[in-house]
Structures are given as C-alpha cells and as structure tokens.
C-alpha cells in the first residue's frame, strides 16, 4: 500500500528536512530552487530526485540573469518506497543530501563511497 500524503503536506516535510540539514551544506547554495513534482517526465517511479544545473566545480563565470539551478524531488516515487511518514522523512533527507551533493560537484560514485547513494 502506497503512503498517501498530499502535495501541501509533502512540501512541508521537504521544508522541514531542508531545515534539518547542516548549515555548511545549505549556506553555500546560491541561485538554487527546490521544486516538488509528482513524477519524472518519463512517468516512472524509479527516480527520487534530480539536480538540474551546472555544478560549482564545472562553472566558469556565473553572473546576473542566470536561470536558477533546480533540485527536484519526485513525490510519488518517494511515497511509493516509504512505509510511513518517518521513512518518508528519511528518504527525503537522503534525496536532498544526494541532489545538493551534485550541486557541489560530487558524482554518484563518490556518493556511493560515502554511503549516500
């Protein structure tokens, strides 16, 4: 049975989990928006989150007028793998750390080595 939490409640949990992240991780984020979408474009339940942008390690110049980077959390896939709200909070937390790490230029292989993938 899939956990049933509406969009507003889900977004509140995402905000709560963002607030729990270490300041060192969040303070360096510049021109990044966090977005909740129901599913990835392909409609699958395989992807929990996505970082869309140019990692800090890949940027040359970054100035005014740049579109913000996006970190997307996919509500339905996260709900599908969570048995209860505590598990959902844990999955959202891990997904946020994972996608923020991509912003800082940390790839999936390194995340795996660190236990976050």
N, C-alpha and C. Protein backbone atom coordinates (compact mmCIF):
# COMPACT_ATOMS: atom_id res chain seq x y z
N UNK A 1 0.83 -1.18 0.00
CA UNK A 1 0.00 0.00 0.00
C UNK A 1 0.88 1.25 0.00
N UNK A 2 0.59 2.16 -0.88
CA UNK A 2 1.37 3.39 -1.01
C UNK A 2 0.93 4.40 0.03
N UNK A 3 1.90 5.04 0.63
CA UNK A 3 1.65 6.11 1.58
C UNK A 3 0.92 7.24 0.86
N UNK A 4 -0.11 7.81 1.50
CA UNK A 4 -0.91 8.85 0.86
C UNK A 4 -0.73 10.18 1.62
N UNK A 5 0.10 11.05 1.05
CA UNK A 5 0.32 12.37 1.63
C UNK A 5 0.16 13.38 0.50
N UNK A 6 -0.69 14.36 0.70
CA UNK A 6 -0.96 15.37 -0.33
C UNK A 6 0.24 16.27 -0.59
N UNK A 7 0.13 17.06 -1.64
CA UNK A 7 1.22 17.92 -2.09
C UNK A 7 1.63 18.91 -1.00
N UNK A 8 0.67 19.58 -0.37
CA UNK A 8 1.00 20.59 0.64
C UNK A 8 1.73 19.97 1.82
N UNK A 9 1.23 18.85 2.31
CA UNK A 9 1.88 18.17 3.44
C UNK A 9 3.27 17.68 3.04
N UNK A 10 3.40 17.18 1.83
CA UNK A 10 4.69 16.70 1.34
C UNK A 10 5.69 17.85 1.28
N UNK A 11 5.25 18.99 0.75
CA UNK A 11 6.14 20.16 0.66
C UNK A 11 6.57 20.64 2.05
N UNK A 12 5.68 20.55 3.03
CA UNK A 12 6.04 20.92 4.41
C UNK A 12 7.13 19.99 4.94
N UNK A 13 7.03 18.70 4.63
CA UNK A 13 8.05 17.75 5.07
C UNK A 13 9.38 18.07 4.40
N UNK A 14 9.36 18.40 3.11
CA UNK A 14 10.59 18.77 2.41
C UNK A 14 11.22 19.99 3.09
N UNK A 15 10.41 20.99 3.41
CA UNK A 15 10.91 22.19 4.08
C UNK A 15 11.49 21.83 5.44
N UNK A 16 10.80 20.98 6.19
CA UNK A 16 11.31 20.54 7.50
C UNK A 16 12.67 19.87 7.35
N UNK A 17 12.79 18.98 6.38
CA UNK A 17 14.05 18.25 6.19
C UNK A 17 15.17 19.19 5.71
N UNK A 18 14.84 20.16 4.88
CA UNK A 18 15.83 21.15 4.48
C UNK A 18 16.36 21.91 5.70
N UNK A 19 15.45 22.27 6.61
CA UNK A 19 15.84 22.99 7.83
C UNK A 19 16.75 22.16 8.72
N UNK A 20 16.67 20.84 8.63
CA UNK A 20 17.49 19.95 9.46
C UNK A 20 18.89 19.70 8.89
N UNK A 21 19.10 20.08 7.65
CA UNK A 21 20.42 19.86 7.03
C UNK A 21 21.45 20.78 7.68
N UNK A 22 22.71 20.34 7.71
CA UNK A 22 23.76 21.17 8.32
C UNK A 22 23.91 22.51 7.59
N UNK A 23 24.14 23.57 8.36
CA UNK A 23 24.31 24.90 7.78
C UNK A 23 25.40 24.91 6.72
N UNK A 24 26.49 24.18 6.95
CA UNK A 24 27.60 24.16 6.00
C UNK A 24 27.16 23.65 4.62
N UNK A 25 26.16 22.80 4.60
CA UNK A 25 25.68 22.24 3.35
C UNK A 25 24.75 23.23 2.64
N UNK A 26 23.93 23.91 3.38
CA UNK A 26 22.89 24.76 2.80
C UNK A 26 23.37 26.18 2.53
N UNK A 27 24.25 26.69 3.38
CA UNK A 27 24.69 28.08 3.25
C UNK A 27 25.40 28.36 1.94
N UNK A 28 26.04 27.35 1.35
CA UNK A 28 26.77 27.54 0.10
C UNK A 28 25.90 27.50 -1.14
N UNK A 29 24.63 27.17 -0.99
CA UNK A 29 23.73 27.09 -2.13
C UNK A 29 23.42 28.50 -2.63
N UNK A 30 23.64 28.74 -3.91
CA UNK A 30 23.41 30.05 -4.48
C UNK A 30 22.60 29.89 -5.76
N UNK A 31 21.48 30.60 -5.84
CA UNK A 31 20.64 30.59 -7.02
C UNK A 31 20.12 29.17 -7.32
N UNK A 32 19.61 28.53 -6.27
CA UNK A 32 19.05 27.18 -6.37
C UNK A 32 17.61 27.21 -5.87
N UNK A 33 16.70 26.62 -6.62
CA UNK A 33 15.32 26.48 -6.16
C UNK A 33 15.02 25.00 -5.94
N UNK A 34 14.21 24.74 -4.94
CA UNK A 34 13.75 23.38 -4.65
C UNK A 34 12.32 23.27 -5.12
N UNK A 35 12.04 22.19 -5.87
CA UNK A 35 10.75 22.00 -6.52
C UNK A 35 10.25 20.59 -6.20
N UNK A 36 8.95 20.48 -5.97
CA UNK A 36 8.32 19.17 -5.84
C UNK A 36 7.47 18.94 -7.08
N UNK A 37 7.70 17.80 -7.73
CA UNK A 37 6.87 17.38 -8.86
C UNK A 37 6.36 15.98 -8.55
N UNK A 38 5.23 15.60 -9.17
CA UNK A 38 4.65 14.29 -8.90
C UNK A 38 5.55 13.16 -9.37
N UNK A 39 6.00 13.24 -10.63
CA UNK A 39 6.82 12.17 -11.23
C UNK A 39 7.80 12.77 -12.22
N UNK A 40 8.87 12.02 -12.54
CA UNK A 40 9.75 12.45 -13.63
C UNK A 40 8.98 12.50 -14.95
N UNK A 41 9.55 13.18 -15.94
CA UNK A 41 8.89 13.33 -17.24
C UNK A 41 8.52 12.01 -17.88
N UNK A 42 9.33 10.96 -17.65
CA UNK A 42 9.03 9.67 -18.28
C UNK A 42 7.93 8.90 -17.54
N UNK A 43 7.43 9.47 -16.43
CA UNK A 43 6.33 8.86 -15.71
C UNK A 43 6.72 7.72 -14.80
N UNK A 44 8.01 7.41 -14.73
CA UNK A 44 8.46 6.27 -13.93
C UNK A 44 8.47 6.60 -12.44
N UNK A 45 8.62 5.55 -11.65
CA UNK A 45 8.76 5.71 -10.21
C UNK A 45 10.19 5.41 -9.78
N UNK A 46 11.12 5.36 -10.74
CA UNK A 46 12.50 4.96 -10.45
C UNK A 46 13.36 6.08 -9.91
N UNK A 47 13.03 7.33 -10.23
CA UNK A 47 13.87 8.46 -9.87
C UNK A 47 13.26 9.22 -8.71
N UNK A 48 14.03 9.41 -7.64
CA UNK A 48 13.51 10.09 -6.44
C UNK A 48 13.76 11.60 -6.48
N UNK A 49 14.85 12.00 -7.13
CA UNK A 49 15.19 13.41 -7.19
C UNK A 49 16.10 13.67 -8.36
N UNK A 50 16.31 14.96 -8.64
CA UNK A 50 17.12 15.34 -9.79
C UNK A 50 17.73 16.71 -9.54
N UNK A 51 19.02 16.84 -9.86
CA UNK A 51 19.68 18.15 -9.86
C UNK A 51 19.80 18.61 -11.29
N UNK A 52 19.26 19.79 -11.58
CA UNK A 52 19.35 20.37 -12.92
C UNK A 52 20.12 21.67 -12.81
N UNK A 53 21.31 21.69 -13.39
CA UNK A 53 22.12 22.90 -13.35
C UNK A 53 23.55 22.58 -13.67
N UNK A 54 24.41 23.53 -13.35
CA UNK A 54 25.84 23.37 -13.57
C UNK A 54 26.52 23.33 -12.20
N UNK A 55 27.15 22.21 -11.90
CA UNK A 55 27.80 22.04 -10.60
C UNK A 55 28.85 23.13 -10.38
N UNK A 56 29.07 23.49 -9.13
CA UNK A 56 30.06 24.51 -8.80
C UNK A 56 31.42 24.20 -9.40
N UNK A 57 31.78 22.95 -9.44
CA UNK A 57 33.10 22.55 -9.95
C UNK A 57 33.20 22.70 -11.47
N UNK A 58 32.07 22.88 -12.15
CA UNK A 58 32.05 22.98 -13.62
C UNK A 58 31.82 24.40 -14.12
N UNK A 59 31.56 25.33 -13.22
CA UNK A 59 31.21 26.69 -13.63
C UNK A 59 32.43 27.51 -13.99
N UNK A 60 32.30 28.29 -15.07
CA UNK A 60 33.33 29.26 -15.41
C UNK A 60 32.94 30.58 -14.75
N UNK A 61 32.07 31.30 -15.41
CA UNK A 61 31.56 32.54 -14.82
C UNK A 61 30.08 32.34 -14.58
N UNK A 62 29.61 32.94 -13.53
CA UNK A 62 28.22 32.80 -13.16
C UNK A 62 27.76 34.17 -12.71
N UNK A 63 26.90 34.79 -13.47
CA UNK A 63 26.55 36.16 -13.15
C UNK A 63 25.06 36.39 -13.10
N UNK A 64 24.72 37.63 -13.21
CA UNK A 64 23.31 38.03 -13.16
C UNK A 64 22.57 37.50 -14.38
N UNK A 65 21.31 37.22 -14.21
CA UNK A 65 20.49 36.77 -15.31
C UNK A 65 20.52 35.27 -15.55
N UNK A 66 21.28 34.55 -14.76
CA UNK A 66 21.31 33.09 -14.90
C UNK A 66 20.02 32.50 -14.35
N UNK A 67 19.48 31.53 -15.04
CA UNK A 67 18.34 30.80 -14.50
C UNK A 67 18.83 30.02 -13.28
N UNK A 68 18.00 29.93 -12.26
CA UNK A 68 18.46 29.18 -11.08
C UNK A 68 18.59 27.69 -11.37
N UNK A 69 19.54 27.07 -10.69
CA UNK A 69 19.62 25.62 -10.70
C UNK A 69 18.37 25.11 -10.00
N UNK A 70 18.00 23.87 -10.31
CA UNK A 70 16.81 23.28 -9.69
C UNK A 70 17.16 21.96 -9.04
N UNK A 71 16.63 21.76 -7.87
CA UNK A 71 16.65 20.45 -7.24
C UNK A 71 15.19 20.02 -7.13
N UNK A 72 14.90 18.93 -7.82
CA UNK A 72 13.53 18.43 -7.90
C UNK A 72 13.40 17.18 -7.04
N UNK A 73 12.36 17.14 -6.23
CA UNK A 73 12.01 15.92 -5.50
C UNK A 73 10.71 15.40 -6.09
N UNK A 74 10.68 14.11 -6.39
CA UNK A 74 9.51 13.50 -7.01
C UNK A 74 8.66 12.83 -5.94
N UNK A 75 7.49 13.39 -5.73
CA UNK A 75 6.60 12.99 -4.64
C UNK A 75 6.14 11.53 -4.74
N UNK A 76 5.61 11.13 -5.89
CA UNK A 76 5.04 9.78 -6.00
C UNK A 76 6.08 8.68 -5.82
N UNK A 77 7.27 8.78 -6.45
CA UNK A 77 8.29 7.75 -6.20
C UNK A 77 8.73 7.70 -4.73
N UNK A 78 8.87 8.85 -4.09
CA UNK A 78 9.26 8.86 -2.67
C UNK A 78 8.17 8.25 -1.80
N UNK A 79 6.92 8.54 -2.11
CA UNK A 79 5.81 7.92 -1.36
C UNK A 79 5.77 6.41 -1.59
N UNK A 80 6.07 5.98 -2.82
CA UNK A 80 5.97 4.56 -3.18
C UNK A 80 6.98 3.70 -2.41
N UNK A 81 8.12 4.27 -2.02
CA UNK A 81 9.12 3.47 -1.32
C UNK A 81 9.07 3.64 0.20
N UNK A 82 8.11 4.42 0.69
CA UNK A 82 8.04 4.72 2.12
C UNK A 82 6.84 4.05 2.76
N UNK A 83 7.10 3.33 3.84
CA UNK A 83 6.02 2.62 4.53
C UNK A 83 5.23 3.55 5.45
N UNK A 84 5.89 4.59 5.97
CA UNK A 84 5.22 5.52 6.88
C UNK A 84 5.90 6.88 6.79
N UNK A 85 5.41 7.84 7.55
CA UNK A 85 5.94 9.20 7.43
C UNK A 85 7.39 9.30 7.90
N UNK A 86 7.77 8.54 8.91
CA UNK A 86 9.16 8.57 9.36
C UNK A 86 10.11 8.11 8.25
N UNK A 87 9.73 7.04 7.58
CA UNK A 87 10.55 6.54 6.47
C UNK A 87 10.57 7.55 5.33
N UNK A 88 9.43 8.19 5.07
CA UNK A 88 9.38 9.22 4.03
C UNK A 88 10.33 10.36 4.37
N UNK A 89 10.33 10.81 5.61
CA UNK A 89 11.25 11.87 6.03
C UNK A 89 12.71 11.46 5.81
N UNK A 90 13.02 10.22 6.14
CA UNK A 90 14.39 9.72 5.93
C UNK A 90 14.75 9.73 4.44
N UNK A 91 13.83 9.25 3.61
CA UNK A 91 14.09 9.19 2.16
C UNK A 91 14.24 10.59 1.57
N UNK A 92 13.41 11.53 2.02
CA UNK A 92 13.51 12.91 1.54
C UNK A 92 14.85 13.50 1.97
N UNK A 93 15.25 13.24 3.20
CA UNK A 93 16.52 13.75 3.72
C UNK A 93 17.69 13.25 2.87
N UNK A 94 17.73 11.95 2.63
CA UNK A 94 18.80 11.35 1.84
C UNK A 94 18.78 11.90 0.41
N UNK A 95 17.59 12.05 -0.17
CA UNK A 95 17.47 12.58 -1.53
C UNK A 95 17.97 14.02 -1.60
N UNK A 96 17.62 14.83 -0.61
CA UNK A 96 18.12 16.21 -0.58
C UNK A 96 19.64 16.25 -0.50
N UNK A 97 20.22 15.45 0.39
CA UNK A 97 21.68 15.41 0.52
C UNK A 97 22.30 14.99 -0.81
N UNK A 98 21.74 13.97 -1.43
CA UNK A 98 22.24 13.44 -2.70
C UNK A 98 22.23 14.53 -3.79
N UNK A 99 21.11 15.20 -3.94
CA UNK A 99 20.99 16.20 -5.02
C UNK A 99 21.82 17.45 -4.71
N UNK A 100 21.89 17.87 -3.46
CA UNK A 100 22.73 19.00 -3.09
C UNK A 100 24.20 18.66 -3.34
N UNK A 101 24.58 17.41 -3.09
CA UNK A 101 25.95 16.98 -3.37
C UNK A 101 26.28 17.15 -4.85
N UNK A 102 25.33 16.87 -5.73
CA UNK A 102 25.56 17.08 -7.16
C UNK A 102 25.81 18.56 -7.46
N UNK A 103 25.12 19.45 -6.77
CA UNK A 103 25.35 20.89 -6.92
C UNK A 103 26.82 21.21 -6.62
N UNK A 104 27.36 20.56 -5.60
CA UNK A 104 28.74 20.79 -5.20
C UNK A 104 29.76 20.01 -6.04
N UNK A 105 29.25 19.26 -7.03
CA UNK A 105 30.15 18.56 -7.94
C UNK A 105 30.51 17.15 -7.51
N UNK A 106 29.79 16.59 -6.56
CA UNK A 106 30.07 15.23 -6.10
C UNK A 106 29.24 14.27 -6.95
N UNK A 107 29.91 13.32 -7.60
CA UNK A 107 29.21 12.41 -8.50
C UNK A 107 28.65 11.19 -7.75
N UNK A 108 27.85 10.40 -8.48
CA UNK A 108 27.19 9.24 -7.87
C UNK A 108 28.19 8.23 -7.30
N UNK A 109 29.31 8.05 -7.98
CA UNK A 109 30.30 7.08 -7.50
C UNK A 109 30.83 7.51 -6.12
N UNK A 110 31.16 8.78 -5.97
CA UNK A 110 31.66 9.28 -4.69
C UNK A 110 30.56 9.23 -3.63
N UNK A 111 29.34 9.56 -4.01
CA UNK A 111 28.21 9.47 -3.07
C UNK A 111 28.04 8.03 -2.58
N UNK A 112 28.21 7.09 -3.48
CA UNK A 112 28.11 5.68 -3.11
C UNK A 112 29.20 5.34 -2.09
N UNK A 113 30.43 5.81 -2.37
CA UNK A 113 31.54 5.58 -1.44
C UNK A 113 31.26 6.16 -0.05
N UNK A 114 30.55 7.29 -0.03
CA UNK A 114 30.24 7.96 1.23
C UNK A 114 28.98 7.40 1.90
N UNK A 115 28.28 6.47 1.22
CA UNK A 115 27.09 5.86 1.80
C UNK A 115 25.80 6.64 1.55
N UNK A 116 25.80 7.54 0.55
CA UNK A 116 24.62 8.36 0.26
C UNK A 116 23.96 7.99 -1.06
N UNK A 117 24.35 6.89 -1.65
CA UNK A 117 23.72 6.51 -2.93
C UNK A 117 23.38 5.03 -2.92
